[in-house]
Amino acid sequence: MSIKQIAAQTPLLKTPRLTLRKIIPKDTKSMFLYAKNPLVTRYLTWNPHKNLRYTRAYINLLQEKYQTCEFYDWGIHDLKDKFIGTCGFTQINETEKSA
């Protein structure tokens, strides 16, 4: 199994304060609440989400990308399972052993 395939499986990760897991459709409203804010997205590789429909379509696209090993992000959840952000890799280079 390649490192890309392993990363694309997006394993569940837990810390004492956070849970990291795949971004799923039930995260739509919570993601939109922060992703619509230009101050939040100011230094990111993507623009603010314009509406809830955009966020829903984005998360549906992620489901396909997870399946094809093209996406390497986790949703970050607090102790109450509130979706508060994302983290991950924009790319993985197996030849260079970098991400």
N, C-alpha and C. Protein backbone atom coordinates (compact mmCIF):
# COMPACT_ATOMS: atom_id res chain seq x y z
N MET A 1 0.84 -1.17 0.00
CA MET A 1 0.00 0.00 0.00
C MET A 1 0.90 1.25 0.00
N SER A 2 0.58 2.19 -0.86
CA SER A 2 1.37 3.41 -0.94
C SER A 2 1.01 4.37 0.20
N ILE A 3 1.90 5.33 0.43
CA ILE A 3 1.64 6.33 1.46
C ILE A 3 0.40 7.16 1.12
N LYS A 4 0.16 7.38 -0.17
CA LYS A 4 -1.04 8.12 -0.57
C LYS A 4 -2.30 7.34 -0.18
N GLN A 5 -2.29 6.05 -0.40
CA GLN A 5 -3.46 5.24 -0.04
C GLN A 5 -3.67 5.22 1.47
N ILE A 6 -2.58 5.15 2.21
CA ILE A 6 -2.69 5.16 3.67
C ILE A 6 -3.26 6.50 4.13
N ALA A 7 -2.72 7.60 3.63
CA ALA A 7 -3.18 8.93 4.02
C ALA A 7 -4.63 9.14 3.61
N ALA A 8 -5.01 8.63 2.45
CA ALA A 8 -6.37 8.82 1.97
C ALA A 8 -7.40 8.07 2.81
N GLN A 9 -6.96 7.08 3.57
CA GLN A 9 -7.89 6.37 4.45
C GLN A 9 -8.30 7.26 5.62
N THR A 10 -7.58 8.34 5.82
CA THR A 10 -7.88 9.34 6.84
C THR A 10 -8.28 8.68 8.15
N PRO A 11 -7.32 8.09 8.83
CA PRO A 11 -7.66 7.40 10.08
C PRO A 11 -8.19 8.36 11.14
N LEU A 12 -9.00 7.84 12.03
CA LEU A 12 -9.49 8.59 13.18
C LEU A 12 -8.33 8.81 14.13
N LEU A 13 -8.09 10.06 14.51
CA LEU A 13 -7.03 10.40 15.45
C LEU A 13 -7.64 11.12 16.64
N LYS A 14 -7.20 10.76 17.84
CA LYS A 14 -7.74 11.39 19.06
C LYS A 14 -6.60 11.91 19.91
N THR A 15 -6.82 13.08 20.48
CA THR A 15 -5.92 13.65 21.47
C THR A 15 -6.78 13.91 22.71
N PRO A 16 -6.18 14.33 23.81
CA PRO A 16 -7.02 14.63 24.99
C PRO A 16 -8.04 15.74 24.74
N ARG A 17 -7.78 16.64 23.76
CA ARG A 17 -8.70 17.75 23.53
C ARG A 17 -9.44 17.72 22.20
N LEU A 18 -8.96 16.94 21.24
CA LEU A 18 -9.52 16.98 19.89
C LEU A 18 -9.68 15.59 19.29
N THR A 19 -10.59 15.50 18.32
CA THR A 19 -10.73 14.32 17.48
C THR A 19 -10.58 14.78 16.04
N LEU A 20 -9.78 14.07 15.27
CA LEU A 20 -9.61 14.34 13.85
C LEU A 20 -10.18 13.16 13.09
N ARG A 21 -11.07 13.45 12.13
CA ARG A 21 -11.67 12.39 11.33
C ARG A 21 -12.02 12.94 9.96
N LYS A 22 -12.44 12.03 9.08
CA LYS A 22 -12.86 12.47 7.75
C LYS A 22 -13.96 13.52 7.87
N ILE A 23 -13.98 14.41 6.90
CA ILE A 23 -15.04 15.40 6.81
C ILE A 23 -16.23 14.71 6.14
N ILE A 24 -17.38 14.77 6.76
CA ILE A 24 -18.57 14.07 6.27
C ILE A 24 -19.74 15.04 6.13
N PRO A 25 -20.80 14.65 5.41
CA PRO A 25 -21.93 15.54 5.19
C PRO A 25 -22.55 16.15 6.45
N LYS A 26 -22.53 15.44 7.57
CA LYS A 26 -23.13 16.02 8.78
C LYS A 26 -22.35 17.23 9.29
N ASP A 27 -21.13 17.45 8.76
CA ASP A 27 -20.30 18.58 9.15
C ASP A 27 -20.63 19.86 8.37
N THR A 28 -21.57 19.81 7.45
CA THR A 28 -21.83 20.92 6.54
C THR A 28 -22.10 22.24 7.26
N LYS A 29 -23.06 22.26 8.15
CA LYS A 29 -23.43 23.53 8.81
C LYS A 29 -22.28 24.09 9.63
N SER A 30 -21.61 23.22 10.38
CA SER A 30 -20.49 23.68 11.21
C SER A 30 -19.35 24.20 10.36
N MET A 31 -19.06 23.52 9.25
CA MET A 31 -17.99 23.99 8.38
C MET A 31 -18.34 25.34 7.79
N PHE A 32 -19.57 25.49 7.34
CA PHE A 32 -19.97 26.75 6.73
C PHE A 32 -19.82 27.92 7.71
N LEU A 33 -20.13 27.70 8.98
CA LEU A 33 -20.06 28.78 9.96
C LEU A 33 -18.68 29.41 10.05
N TYR A 34 -17.63 28.62 9.91
CA TYR A 34 -16.30 29.24 9.93
C TYR A 34 -15.76 29.50 8.52
N ALA A 35 -16.13 28.67 7.55
CA ALA A 35 -15.57 28.78 6.20
C ALA A 35 -16.10 29.99 5.44
N LYS A 36 -17.17 30.59 5.91
CA LYS A 36 -17.71 31.78 5.23
C LYS A 36 -16.98 33.06 5.64
N ASN A 37 -16.17 32.98 6.66
CA ASN A 37 -15.51 34.16 7.23
C ASN A 37 -14.20 34.48 6.49
N PRO A 38 -14.12 35.64 5.83
CA PRO A 38 -12.89 36.00 5.11
C PRO A 38 -11.65 36.08 6.01
N LEU A 39 -11.83 36.41 7.28
CA LEU A 39 -10.68 36.46 8.19
C LEU A 39 -10.13 35.06 8.46
N VAL A 40 -10.99 34.07 8.47
CA VAL A 40 -10.55 32.69 8.70
C VAL A 40 -9.78 32.18 7.50
N THR A 41 -10.22 32.52 6.31
CA THR A 41 -9.64 31.95 5.09
C THR A 41 -8.55 32.84 4.48
N ARG A 42 -8.24 33.92 5.12
CA ARG A 42 -7.30 34.91 4.58
C ARG A 42 -5.98 34.30 4.08
N TYR A 43 -5.40 33.38 4.83
CA TYR A 43 -4.10 32.82 4.46
C TYR A 43 -4.20 31.37 3.98
N LEU A 44 -5.38 30.96 3.61
CA LEU A 44 -5.58 29.58 3.15
C LEU A 44 -5.54 29.50 1.64
N THR A 45 -5.58 28.29 1.13
CA THR A 45 -5.54 28.08 -0.33
C THR A 45 -6.92 28.12 -0.96
N TRP A 46 -7.95 28.44 -0.16
CA TRP A 46 -9.31 28.49 -0.70
C TRP A 46 -10.02 29.74 -0.20
N ASN A 47 -11.01 30.15 -0.97
CA ASN A 47 -11.80 31.35 -0.66
C ASN A 47 -12.93 31.04 0.30
N PRO A 48 -13.49 32.08 0.93
CA PRO A 48 -14.64 31.86 1.81
C PRO A 48 -15.80 31.19 1.06
N HIS A 49 -16.52 30.34 1.76
CA HIS A 49 -17.69 29.70 1.17
C HIS A 49 -18.81 30.73 1.07
N LYS A 50 -19.48 30.76 -0.07
CA LYS A 50 -20.50 31.77 -0.33
C LYS A 50 -21.85 31.45 0.31
N ASN A 51 -22.16 30.16 0.42
CA ASN A 51 -23.44 29.77 1.00
C ASN A 51 -23.37 28.31 1.44
N LEU A 52 -24.41 27.88 2.12
CA LEU A 52 -24.46 26.51 2.64
C LEU A 52 -24.46 25.48 1.51
N ARG A 53 -25.08 25.83 0.41
CA ARG A 53 -25.11 24.91 -0.74
C ARG A 53 -23.69 24.66 -1.27
N TYR A 54 -22.88 25.70 -1.30
CA TYR A 54 -21.48 25.55 -1.74
C TYR A 54 -20.74 24.60 -0.80
N THR A 55 -20.90 24.78 0.50
CA THR A 55 -20.23 23.92 1.48
C THR A 55 -20.69 22.48 1.32
N ARG A 56 -21.98 22.27 1.13
CA ARG A 56 -22.52 20.92 0.95
C ARG A 56 -21.91 20.26 -0.29
N ALA A 57 -21.84 21.01 -1.38
CA ALA A 57 -21.26 20.47 -2.62
C ALA A 57 -19.78 20.16 -2.43
N TYR A 58 -19.08 21.01 -1.71
CA TYR A 58 -17.66 20.78 -1.44
C TYR A 58 -17.46 19.50 -0.64
N ILE A 59 -18.25 19.32 0.40
CA ILE A 59 -18.11 18.12 1.23
C ILE A 59 -18.50 16.86 0.44
N ASN A 60 -19.48 16.96 -0.43
CA ASN A 60 -19.83 15.81 -1.28
C ASN A 60 -18.67 15.48 -2.23
N LEU A 61 -18.00 16.49 -2.75
CA LEU A 61 -16.83 16.26 -3.60
C LEU A 61 -15.72 15.57 -2.80
N LEU A 62 -15.55 15.98 -1.55
CA LEU A 62 -14.52 15.35 -0.71
C LEU A 62 -14.77 13.85 -0.56
N GLN A 63 -16.03 13.44 -0.49
CA GLN A 63 -16.32 12.02 -0.33
C GLN A 63 -15.77 11.23 -1.51
N GLU A 64 -15.91 11.79 -2.72
CA GLU A 64 -15.36 11.14 -3.92
C GLU A 64 -13.83 11.13 -3.87
N LYS A 65 -13.24 12.24 -3.45
CA LYS A 65 -11.77 12.34 -3.41
C LYS A 65 -11.17 11.41 -2.36
N TYR A 66 -11.86 11.22 -1.24
CA TYR A 66 -11.39 10.25 -0.25
C TYR A 66 -11.33 8.85 -0.89
N GLN A 67 -12.36 8.52 -1.66
CA GLN A 67 -12.43 7.19 -2.27
C GLN A 67 -11.35 6.96 -3.31
N THR A 68 -10.94 8.01 -4.01
CA THR A 68 -9.93 7.87 -5.06
C THR A 68 -8.53 8.22 -4.59
N CYS A 69 -8.36 8.37 -3.28
CA CYS A 69 -7.04 8.67 -2.68
C CYS A 69 -6.48 9.99 -3.19
N GLU A 70 -7.34 10.98 -3.38
CA GLU A 70 -6.91 12.29 -3.87
C GLU A 70 -7.04 13.38 -2.81
N PHE A 71 -7.39 13.04 -1.60
CA PHE A 71 -7.62 14.07 -0.59
C PHE A 71 -7.11 13.60 0.75
N TYR A 72 -6.44 14.47 1.46
CA TYR A 72 -5.76 14.08 2.69
C TYR A 72 -6.04 15.07 3.82
N ASP A 73 -7.30 15.30 4.14
CA ASP A 73 -7.66 16.24 5.19
C ASP A 73 -8.52 15.59 6.27
N TRP A 74 -8.38 16.13 7.45
CA TRP A 74 -9.21 15.73 8.58
C TRP A 74 -10.09 16.90 8.98
N GLY A 75 -11.27 16.59 9.48
CA GLY A 75 -12.08 17.58 10.18
C GLY A 75 -11.63 17.57 11.63
N ILE A 76 -11.49 18.75 12.22
CA ILE A 76 -11.07 18.86 13.61
C ILE A 76 -12.32 19.09 14.46
N HIS A 77 -12.48 18.28 15.50
CA HIS A 77 -13.65 18.36 16.38
C HIS A 77 -13.20 18.54 17.82
N ASP A 78 -13.94 19.38 18.55
CA ASP A 78 -13.62 19.57 19.96
C ASP A 78 -14.21 18.43 20.79
N LEU A 79 -14.10 18.53 22.10
CA LEU A 79 -14.58 17.45 22.98
C LEU A 79 -16.08 17.22 22.90
N LYS A 80 -16.83 18.24 22.46
CA LYS A 80 -18.28 18.10 22.31
C LYS A 80 -18.66 17.70 20.89
N ASP A 81 -17.67 17.28 20.10
CA ASP A 81 -17.82 16.87 18.70
C ASP A 81 -18.23 18.02 17.79
N LYS A 82 -17.96 19.26 18.18
CA LYS A 82 -18.21 20.40 17.31
C LYS A 82 -17.09 20.49 16.28
N PHE A 83 -17.46 20.59 15.03
CA PHE A 83 -16.51 20.73 13.93
C PHE A 83 -15.94 22.14 13.97
N ILE A 84 -14.63 22.28 14.18
CA ILE A 84 -14.04 23.60 14.36
C ILE A 84 -12.96 23.95 13.33
N GLY A 85 -12.64 23.04 12.43
CA GLY A 85 -11.64 23.36 11.42
C GLY A 85 -11.16 22.13 10.68
N THR A 86 -10.13 22.33 9.89
CA THR A 86 -9.55 21.23 9.13
C THR A 86 -8.03 21.30 9.21
N CYS A 87 -7.41 20.18 8.94
CA CYS A 87 -5.95 20.13 8.79
C CYS A 87 -5.64 18.96 7.87
N GLY A 88 -4.50 19.02 7.25
CA GLY A 88 -4.12 17.92 6.37
C GLY A 88 -3.02 18.31 5.42
N PHE A 89 -2.92 17.57 4.33
CA PHE A 89 -1.90 17.76 3.32
C PHE A 89 -2.55 18.25 2.04
N THR A 90 -1.91 19.19 1.36
CA THR A 90 -2.41 19.59 0.04
C THR A 90 -1.87 18.66 -1.03
N GLN A 91 -0.73 18.01 -0.73
CA GLN A 91 -0.18 17.03 -1.66
C GLN A 91 0.79 16.11 -0.93
N ILE A 92 1.00 14.95 -1.50
CA ILE A 92 1.99 14.00 -1.00
C ILE A 92 2.88 13.61 -2.17
N ASN A 93 4.18 13.67 -1.97
CA ASN A 93 5.14 13.31 -3.00
C ASN A 93 5.92 12.10 -2.50
N GLU A 94 5.56 10.93 -3.00
CA GLU A 94 6.23 9.70 -2.55
C GLU A 94 7.69 9.64 -2.98
N THR A 95 8.00 10.16 -4.15
CA THR A 95 9.38 10.13 -4.63
C THR A 95 10.30 10.94 -3.70
N GLU A 96 9.82 12.14 -3.33
CA GLU A 96 10.59 13.02 -2.46
C GLU A 96 10.37 12.73 -0.97
N LYS A 97 9.45 11.81 -0.69
CA LYS A 97 9.10 11.47 0.71
C LYS A 97 8.75 12.75 1.47
N SER A 98 7.82 13.52 0.89
CA SER A 98 7.42 14.78 1.52
C SER A 98 5.92 14.97 1.37
N ALA A 99 5.41 15.85 2.21
CA ALA A 99 3.99 16.20 2.14
C ALA A 99 3.84 17.67 2.47
